[in-house]
Amino acid sequence: MAYDYLLIAAASLVGLVVIAATALKGWQGWLELKTRELEQARGPDLGSAPGMARIEIADLKERIRKLEAIAAGVDL
């Protein structure tokens, strides 16, 4: 009688491991699909990262210059 319960428990454990492995494989595939979709939606690169950083810094400097001029009462 105890042998029957042990066999049922072992079979259930093996079944659970198979289901968990299948679910994990499906999850990894779904994540890869979403990664590819995000890469396609991102569009073309607008330049190198250092180049873009320089453009953003120049834009911020221009904004600061305009704000300082407004604060000083200079009409642009």
PDB file of N, CA and C in Angstrom:
ATOM      1  N   MET A   1       0.810  -1.189   0.000  1.00  0.00           N
ATOM      2  CA  MET A   1       0.000   0.000   0.000  1.00  0.00           C
ATOM      3  C   MET A   1       0.862   1.266   0.000  1.00  0.00           C
ATOM      4  N   ALA A   2       1.908   1.288   0.842  1.00  0.00           N
ATOM      5  CA  ALA A   2       2.781   2.458   0.911  1.00  0.00           C
ATOM      6  C   ALA A   2       3.535   2.625  -0.408  1.00  0.00           C
ATOM      7  N   TYR A   3       3.824   1.504  -1.065  1.00  0.00           N
ATOM      8  CA  TYR A   3       4.526   1.556  -2.350  1.00  0.00           C
ATOM      9  C   TYR A   3       3.681   2.269  -3.412  1.00  0.00           C
ATOM     10  N   ASP A   4       2.391   2.055  -3.380  1.00  0.00           N
ATOM     11  CA  ASP A   4       1.489   2.718  -4.325  1.00  0.00           C
ATOM     12  C   ASP A   4       1.513   4.233  -4.146  1.00  0.00           C
ATOM     13  N   TYR A   5       1.473   4.664  -2.880  1.00  0.00           N
ATOM     14  CA  TYR A   5       1.508   6.110  -2.610  1.00  0.00           C
ATOM     15  C   TYR A   5       2.839   6.719  -3.033  1.00  0.00           C
ATOM     16  N   LEU A   6       3.914   6.009  -2.816  1.00  0.00           N
ATOM     17  CA  LEU A   6       5.235   6.488  -3.216  1.00  0.00           C
ATOM     18  C   LEU A   6       5.319   6.602  -4.737  1.00  0.00           C
ATOM     19  N   LEU A   7       4.760   5.649  -5.451  1.00  0.00           N
ATOM     20  CA  LEU A   7       4.755   5.678  -6.913  1.00  0.00           C
ATOM     21  C   LEU A   7       3.915   6.842  -7.431  1.00  0.00           C
ATOM     22  N   ILE A   8       2.778   7.096  -6.821  1.00  0.00           N
ATOM     23  CA  ILE A   8       1.915   8.208  -7.219  1.00  0.00           C
ATOM     24  C   ILE A   8       2.615   9.537  -6.949  1.00  0.00           C
ATOM     25  N   ALA A   9       3.270   9.656  -5.786  1.00  0.00           N
ATOM     26  CA  ALA A   9       3.974  10.888  -5.437  1.00  0.00           C
ATOM     27  C   ALA A   9       5.130  11.145  -6.407  1.00  0.00           C
ATOM     28  N   ALA A  10       5.881  10.095  -6.747  1.00  0.00           N
ATOM     29  CA  ALA A  10       7.007  10.257  -7.669  1.00  0.00           C
ATOM     30  C   ALA A  10       6.516  10.644  -9.065  1.00  0.00           C
ATOM     31  N   ALA A  11       5.452  10.024  -9.525  1.00  0.00           N
ATOM     32  CA  ALA A  11       4.904  10.349 -10.844  1.00  0.00           C
ATOM     33  C   ALA A  11       4.371  11.772 -10.867  1.00  0.00           C
ATOM     34  N   SER A  12       3.742  12.195  -9.782  1.00  0.00           N
ATOM     35  CA  SER A  12       3.235  13.563  -9.706  1.00  0.00           C
ATOM     36  C   SER A  12       4.381  14.565  -9.726  1.00  0.00           C
ATOM     37  N   LEU A  13       5.448  14.263  -9.024  1.00  0.00           N
ATOM     38  CA  LEU A  13       6.613  15.145  -8.986  1.00  0.00           C
ATOM     39  C   LEU A  13       7.260  15.251 -10.365  1.00  0.00           C
ATOM     40  N   VAL A  14       7.384  14.141 -11.052  1.00  0.00           N
ATOM     41  CA  VAL A  14       7.946  14.170 -12.406  1.00  0.00           C
ATOM     42  C   VAL A  14       7.049  14.978 -13.339  1.00  0.00           C
ATOM     43  N   GLY A  15       5.750  14.794 -13.240  1.00  0.00           N
ATOM     44  CA  GLY A  15       4.814  15.571 -14.056  1.00  0.00           C
ATOM     45  C   GLY A  15       4.911  17.061 -13.774  1.00  0.00           C
ATOM     46  N   LEU A  16       5.053  17.420 -12.514  1.00  0.00           N
ATOM     47  CA  LEU A  16       5.186  18.820 -12.145  1.00  0.00           C
ATOM     48  C   LEU A  16       6.471  19.422 -12.700  1.00  0.00           C
ATOM     49  N   VAL A  17       7.554  18.669 -12.661  1.00  0.00           N
ATOM     50  CA  VAL A  17       8.830  19.146 -13.210  1.00  0.00           C
ATOM     51  C   VAL A  17       8.721  19.345 -14.718  1.00  0.00           C
ATOM     52  N   VAL A  18       8.050  18.452 -15.412  1.00  0.00           N
ATOM     53  CA  VAL A  18       7.874  18.579 -16.860  1.00  0.00           C
ATOM     54  C   VAL A  18       7.042  19.822 -17.188  1.00  0.00           C
ATOM     55  N   ILE A  19       5.979  20.040 -16.452  1.00  0.00           N
ATOM     56  CA  ILE A  19       5.127  21.209 -16.689  1.00  0.00           C
ATOM     57  C   ILE A  19       5.896  22.497 -16.391  1.00  0.00           C
ATOM     58  N   ALA A  20       6.666  22.500 -15.299  1.00  0.00           N
ATOM     59  CA  ALA A  20       7.444  23.691 -14.947  1.00  0.00           C
ATOM     60  C   ALA A  20       8.500  23.987 -16.009  1.00  0.00           C
ATOM     61  N   ALA A  21       9.169  22.973 -16.518  1.00  0.00           N
ATOM     62  CA  ALA A  21      10.186  23.174 -17.554  1.00  0.00           C
ATOM     63  C   ALA A  21       9.558  23.702 -18.842  1.00  0.00           C
ATOM     64  N   THR A  22       8.409  23.181 -19.193  1.00  0.00           N
ATOM     65  CA  THR A  22       7.705  23.655 -20.391  1.00  0.00           C
ATOM     66  C   THR A  22       7.269  25.110 -20.229  1.00  0.00           C
ATOM     67  N   ALA A  23       6.757  25.443 -19.059  1.00  0.00           N
ATOM     68  CA  ALA A  23       6.330  26.820 -18.800  1.00  0.00           C
ATOM     69  C   ALA A  23       7.528  27.768 -18.840  1.00  0.00           C
ATOM     70  N   LEU A  24       8.660  27.360 -18.296  1.00  0.00           N
ATOM     71  CA  LEU A  24       9.867  28.187 -18.318  1.00  0.00           C
ATOM     72  C   LEU A  24      10.346  28.417 -19.740  1.00  0.00           C
ATOM     73  N   LYS A  25      10.328  27.388 -20.552  1.00  0.00           N
ATOM     74  CA  LYS A  25      10.741  27.522 -21.955  1.00  0.00           C
ATOM     75  C   LYS A  25       9.795  28.484 -22.690  1.00  0.00           C
ATOM     76  N   GLY A  26       8.503  28.372 -22.439  1.00  0.00           N
ATOM     77  CA  GLY A  26       7.544  29.283 -23.061  1.00  0.00           C
ATOM     78  C   GLY A  26       7.752  30.714 -22.611  1.00  0.00           C
ATOM     79  N   TRP A  27       8.039  30.919 -21.330  1.00  0.00           N
ATOM     80  CA  TRP A  27       8.285  32.259 -20.794  1.00  0.00           C
ATOM     81  C   TRP A  27       9.515  32.885 -21.450  1.00  0.00           C
ATOM     82  N   GLN A  28      10.590  32.109 -21.591  1.00  0.00           N
ATOM     83  CA  GLN A  28      11.805  32.624 -22.220  1.00  0.00           C
ATOM     84  C   GLN A  28      11.544  32.984 -23.684  1.00  0.00           C
ATOM     85  N   GLY A  29      10.761  32.180 -24.369  1.00  0.00           N
ATOM     86  CA  GLY A  29      10.411  32.487 -25.754  1.00  0.00           C
ATOM     87  C   GLY A  29       9.584  33.759 -25.858  1.00  0.00           C
ATOM     88  N   TRP A  30       8.660  33.949 -24.934  1.00  0.00           N
ATOM     89  CA  TRP A  30       7.826  35.157 -24.930  1.00  0.00           C
ATOM     90  C   TRP A  30       8.678  36.391 -24.671  1.00  0.00           C
ATOM     91  N   LEU A  31       9.616  36.287 -23.724  1.00  0.00           N
ATOM     92  CA  LEU A  31      10.503  37.415 -23.442  1.00  0.00           C
ATOM     93  C   LEU A  31      11.373  37.754 -24.650  1.00  0.00           C
ATOM     94  N   GLU A  32      11.856  36.745 -25.354  1.00  0.00           N
ATOM     95  CA  GLU A  32      12.658  36.988 -26.556  1.00  0.00           C
ATOM     96  C   GLU A  32      11.815  37.666 -27.638  1.00  0.00           C
ATOM     97  N   LEU A  33      10.571  37.246 -27.788  1.00  0.00           N
ATOM     98  CA  LEU A  33       9.671  37.868 -28.758  1.00  0.00           C
ATOM     99  C   LEU A  33       9.459  39.343 -28.426  1.00  0.00           C
ATOM    100  N   LYS A  34       9.189  39.650 -27.163  1.00  0.00           N
ATOM    101  CA  LYS A  34       8.966  41.039 -26.759  1.00  0.00           C
ATOM    102  C   LYS A  34      10.231  41.873 -26.946  1.00  0.00           C
ATOM    103  N   THR A  35      11.391  41.288 -26.705  1.00  0.00           N
ATOM    104  CA  THR A  35      12.654  41.998 -26.915  1.00  0.00           C
ATOM    105  C   THR A  35      12.823  42.357 -28.378  1.00  0.00           C
ATOM    106  N   ARG A  36      12.521  41.422 -29.252  1.00  0.00           N
ATOM    107  CA  ARG A  36      12.617  41.702 -30.693  1.00  0.00           C
ATOM    108  C   ARG A  36      11.622  42.776 -31.115  1.00  0.00           C
ATOM    109  N   GLU A  37      10.409  42.740 -30.571  1.00  0.00           N
ATOM    110  CA  GLU A  37       9.413  43.768 -30.902  1.00  0.00           C
ATOM    111  C   GLU A  37       9.881  45.146 -30.461  1.00  0.00           C
ATOM    112  N   LEU A  38      10.481  45.232 -29.286  1.00  0.00           N
ATOM    113  CA  LEU A  38      10.982  46.521 -28.802  1.00  0.00           C
ATOM    114  C   LEU A  38      12.137  47.024 -29.657  1.00  0.00           C
ATOM    115  N   GLU A  39      13.001  46.120 -30.094  1.00  0.00           N
ATOM    116  CA  GLU A  39      14.121  46.528 -30.945  1.00  0.00           C
ATOM    117  C   GLU A  39      13.618  47.050 -32.289  1.00  0.00           C
ATOM    118  N   GLN A  40      12.575  46.442 -32.837  1.00  0.00           N
ATOM    119  CA  GLN A  40      12.022  46.897 -34.110  1.00  0.00           C
ATOM    120  C   GLN A  40      11.289  48.221 -33.954  1.00  0.00           C
ATOM    121  N   ALA A  41      10.619  48.419 -32.831  1.00  0.00           N
ATOM    122  CA  ALA A  41       9.851  49.638 -32.611  1.00  0.00           C
ATOM    123  C   ALA A  41      10.745  50.828 -32.302  1.00  0.00           C
ATOM    124  N   ARG A  42      11.963  50.557 -31.870  1.00  0.00           N
ATOM    125  CA  ARG A  42      12.865  51.635 -31.495  1.00  0.00           C
ATOM    126  C   ARG A  42      13.218  52.500 -32.687  1.00  0.00           C
ATOM    127  N   GLY A  43      13.310  51.926 -33.854  1.00  0.00           N
ATOM    128  CA  GLY A  43      13.611  52.689 -35.052  1.00  0.00           C
ATOM    129  C   GLY A  43      15.109  52.804 -35.281  1.00  0.00           C
ATOM    130  N   PRO A  44      15.477  53.611 -36.275  1.00  0.00           N
ATOM    131  CA  PRO A  44      16.896  53.729 -36.597  1.00  0.00           C
ATOM    132  C   PRO A  44      17.648  54.517 -35.530  1.00  0.00           C
ATOM    133  N   ASP A  45      18.939  54.232 -35.437  1.00  0.00           N
ATOM    134  CA  ASP A  45      19.784  54.977 -34.511  1.00  0.00           C
ATOM    135  C   ASP A  45      19.961  56.392 -35.015  1.00  0.00           C
ATOM    136  N   LEU A  46      19.964  57.332 -34.112  1.00  0.00           N
ATOM    137  CA  LEU A  46      20.107  58.731 -34.481  1.00  0.00           C
ATOM    138  C   LEU A  46      21.548  59.201 -34.379  1.00  0.00           C
ATOM    139  N   GLY A  47      22.438  58.333 -34.108  1.00  0.00           N
ATOM    140  CA  GLY A  47      23.849  58.689 -33.993  1.00  0.00           C
ATOM    141  C   GLY A  47      24.461  57.966 -32.812  1.00  0.00           C
ATOM    142  N   SER A  48      25.710  58.277 -32.580  1.00  0.00           N
ATOM    143  CA  SER A  48      26.389  57.622 -31.473  1.00  0.00           C
ATOM    144  C   SER A  48      25.949  58.239 -30.150  1.00  0.00           C
ATOM    145  N   ALA A  49      26.126  57.505 -29.107  1.00  0.00           N
ATOM    146  CA  ALA A  49      25.721  57.977 -27.783  1.00  0.00           C
ATOM    147  C   ALA A  49      26.497  59.231 -27.369  1.00  0.00           C
ATOM    148  N   PRO A  50      27.823  59.294 -27.566  1.00  0.00           N
ATOM    149  CA  PRO A  50      28.532  60.519 -27.198  1.00  0.00           C
ATOM    150  C   PRO A  50      28.068  61.721 -28.021  1.00  0.00           C
ATOM    151  N   GLY A  51      27.764  61.505 -29.288  1.00  0.00           N
ATOM    152  CA  GLY A  51      27.282  62.599 -30.127  1.00  0.00           C
ATOM    153  C   GLY A  51      25.938  63.114 -29.661  1.00  0.00           C
ATOM    154  N   MET A  52      25.049  62.200 -29.296  1.00  0.00           N
ATOM    155  CA  MET A  52      23.738  62.595 -28.799  1.00  0.00           C
ATOM    156  C   MET A  52      23.864  63.317 -27.461  1.00  0.00           C
ATOM    157  N   ALA A  53      24.802  62.876 -26.623  1.00  0.00           N
ATOM    158  CA  ALA A  53      25.000  63.529 -25.333  1.00  0.00           C
ATOM    159  C   ALA A  53      25.467  64.965 -25.536  1.00  0.00           C
ATOM    160  N   ARG A  54      26.345  65.187 -26.503  1.00  0.00           N
ATOM    161  CA  ARG A  54      26.831  66.540 -26.775  1.00  0.00           C
ATOM    162  C   ARG A  54      25.693  67.436 -27.256  1.00  0.00           C
ATOM    163  N   ILE A  55      24.823  66.895 -28.074  1.00  0.00           N
ATOM    164  CA  ILE A  55      23.680  67.673 -28.564  1.00  0.00           C
ATOM    165  C   ILE A  55      22.762  68.042 -27.406  1.00  0.00           C
ATOM    166  N   GLU A  56      22.507  67.077 -26.515  1.00  0.00           N
ATOM    167  CA  GLU A  56      21.642  67.357 -25.366  1.00  0.00           C
ATOM    168  C   GLU A  56      22.267  68.388 -24.442  1.00  0.00           C
ATOM    169  N   ILE A  57      23.582  68.315 -24.226  1.00  0.00           N
ATOM    170  CA  ILE A  57      24.261  69.292 -23.372  1.00  0.00           C
ATOM    171  C   ILE A  57      24.196  70.677 -24.003  1.00  0.00           C
ATOM    172  N   ALA A  58      24.407  70.757 -25.314  1.00  0.00           N
ATOM    173  CA  ALA A  58      24.319  72.051 -25.996  1.00  0.00           C
ATOM    174  C   ALA A  58      22.908  72.619 -25.886  1.00  0.00           C
ATOM    175  N   ASP A  59      21.904  71.758 -25.999  1.00  0.00           N
ATOM    176  CA  ASP A  59      20.521  72.216 -25.872  1.00  0.00           C
ATOM    177  C   ASP A  59      20.252  72.743 -24.460  1.00  0.00           C
ATOM    178  N   LEU A  60      20.748  72.024 -23.448  1.00  0.00           N
ATOM    179  CA  LEU A  60      20.564  72.481 -22.077  1.00  0.00           C
ATOM    180  C   LEU A  60      21.276  73.802 -21.824  1.00  0.00           C
ATOM    181  N   LYS A  61      22.471  73.957 -22.371  1.00  0.00           N
ATOM    182  CA  LYS A  61      23.203  75.212 -22.209  1.00  0.00           C
ATOM    183  C   LYS A  61      22.429  76.368 -22.853  1.00  0.00           C
ATOM    184  N   GLU A  62      21.838  76.126 -24.002  1.00  0.00           N
ATOM    185  CA  GLU A  62      21.053  77.156 -24.675  1.00  0.00           C
ATOM    186  C   GLU A  62      19.833  77.537 -23.837  1.00  0.00           C
ATOM    187  N   ARG A  63      19.183  76.559 -23.252  1.00  0.00           N
ATOM    188  CA  ARG A  63      18.029  76.838 -22.391  1.00  0.00           C
ATOM    189  C   ARG A  63      18.443  77.659 -21.169  1.00  0.00           C
ATOM    190  N   ILE A  64      19.585  77.290 -20.570  1.00  0.00           N
ATOM    191  CA  ILE A  64      20.072  78.035 -19.410  1.00  0.00           C
ATOM    192  C   ILE A  64      20.381  79.470 -19.798  1.00  0.00           C
ATOM    193  N   ARG A  65      21.010  79.664 -20.958  1.00  0.00           N
ATOM    194  CA  ARG A  65      21.341  81.008 -21.423  1.00  0.00           C
ATOM    195  C   ARG A  65      20.073  81.842 -21.591  1.00  0.00           C
ATOM    196  N   LYS A  66      19.036  81.237 -22.168  1.00  0.00           N
ATOM    197  CA  LYS A  66      17.771  81.955 -22.352  1.00  0.00           C
ATOM    198  C   LYS A  66      17.118  82.286 -21.015  1.00  0.00           C
ATOM    199  N   LEU A  67      17.151  81.342 -20.073  1.00  0.00           N
ATOM    200  CA  LEU A  67      16.570  81.607 -18.755  1.00  0.00           C
ATOM    201  C   LEU A  67      17.330  82.698 -18.014  1.00  0.00           C
ATOM    202  N   GLU A  68      18.663  82.698 -18.134  1.00  0.00           N
ATOM    203  CA  GLU A  68      19.459  83.758 -17.501  1.00  0.00           C
ATOM    204  C   GLU A  68      19.147  85.119 -18.121  1.00  0.00           C
ATOM    205  N   ALA A  69      18.943  85.131 -19.422  1.00  0.00           N
ATOM    206  CA  ALA A  69      18.610  86.395 -20.103  1.00  0.00           C
ATOM    207  C   ALA A  69      17.231  86.889 -19.651  1.00  0.00           C
ATOM    208  N   ILE A  70      16.297  85.984 -19.492  1.00  0.00           N
ATOM    209  CA  ILE A  70      14.960  86.367 -19.001  1.00  0.00           C
ATOM    210  C   ILE A  70      15.065  86.909 -17.583  1.00  0.00           C
ATOM    211  N   ALA A  71      15.868  86.226 -16.744  1.00  0.00           N
ATOM    212  CA  ALA A  71      16.018  86.665 -15.363  1.00  0.00           C
ATOM    213  C   ALA A  71      16.694  88.042 -15.287  1.00  0.00           C
ATOM    214  N   ALA A  72      17.606  88.316 -16.224  1.00  0.00           N
ATOM    215  CA  ALA A  72      18.319  89.601 -16.220  1.00  0.00           C
ATOM    216  C   ALA A  72      17.463  90.702 -16.851  1.00  0.00           C
ATOM    217  N   GLY A  73      16.370  90.332 -17.452  1.00  0.00           N
ATOM    218  CA  GLY A  73      15.489  91.318 -18.062  1.00  0.00           C
ATOM    219  C   GLY A  73      15.869  91.669 -19.490  1.00  0.00           C
ATOM    220  N   VAL A  74      16.697  90.867 -20.116  1.00  0.00           N
ATOM    221  CA  VAL A  74      17.095  91.111 -21.511  1.00  0.00           C
ATOM    222  C   VAL A  74      16.051  90.488 -22.406  1.00  0.00           C
ATOM    223  N   ASP A  75      15.610  91.238 -23.391  1.00  0.00           N
ATOM    224  CA  ASP A  75      14.592  90.740 -24.326  1.00  0.00           C
ATOM    225  C   ASP A  75      15.295  90.063 -25.486  1.00  0.00           C
ATOM    226  N   LEU A  76      14.992  88.803 -25.697  1.00  0.00           N
ATOM    227  CA  LEU A  76      15.635  88.042 -26.802  1.00  0.00           C
ATOM    228  C   LEU A  76      14.861  88.257 -28.059  1.00  0.00           C
TER     229      LEU A  76
END
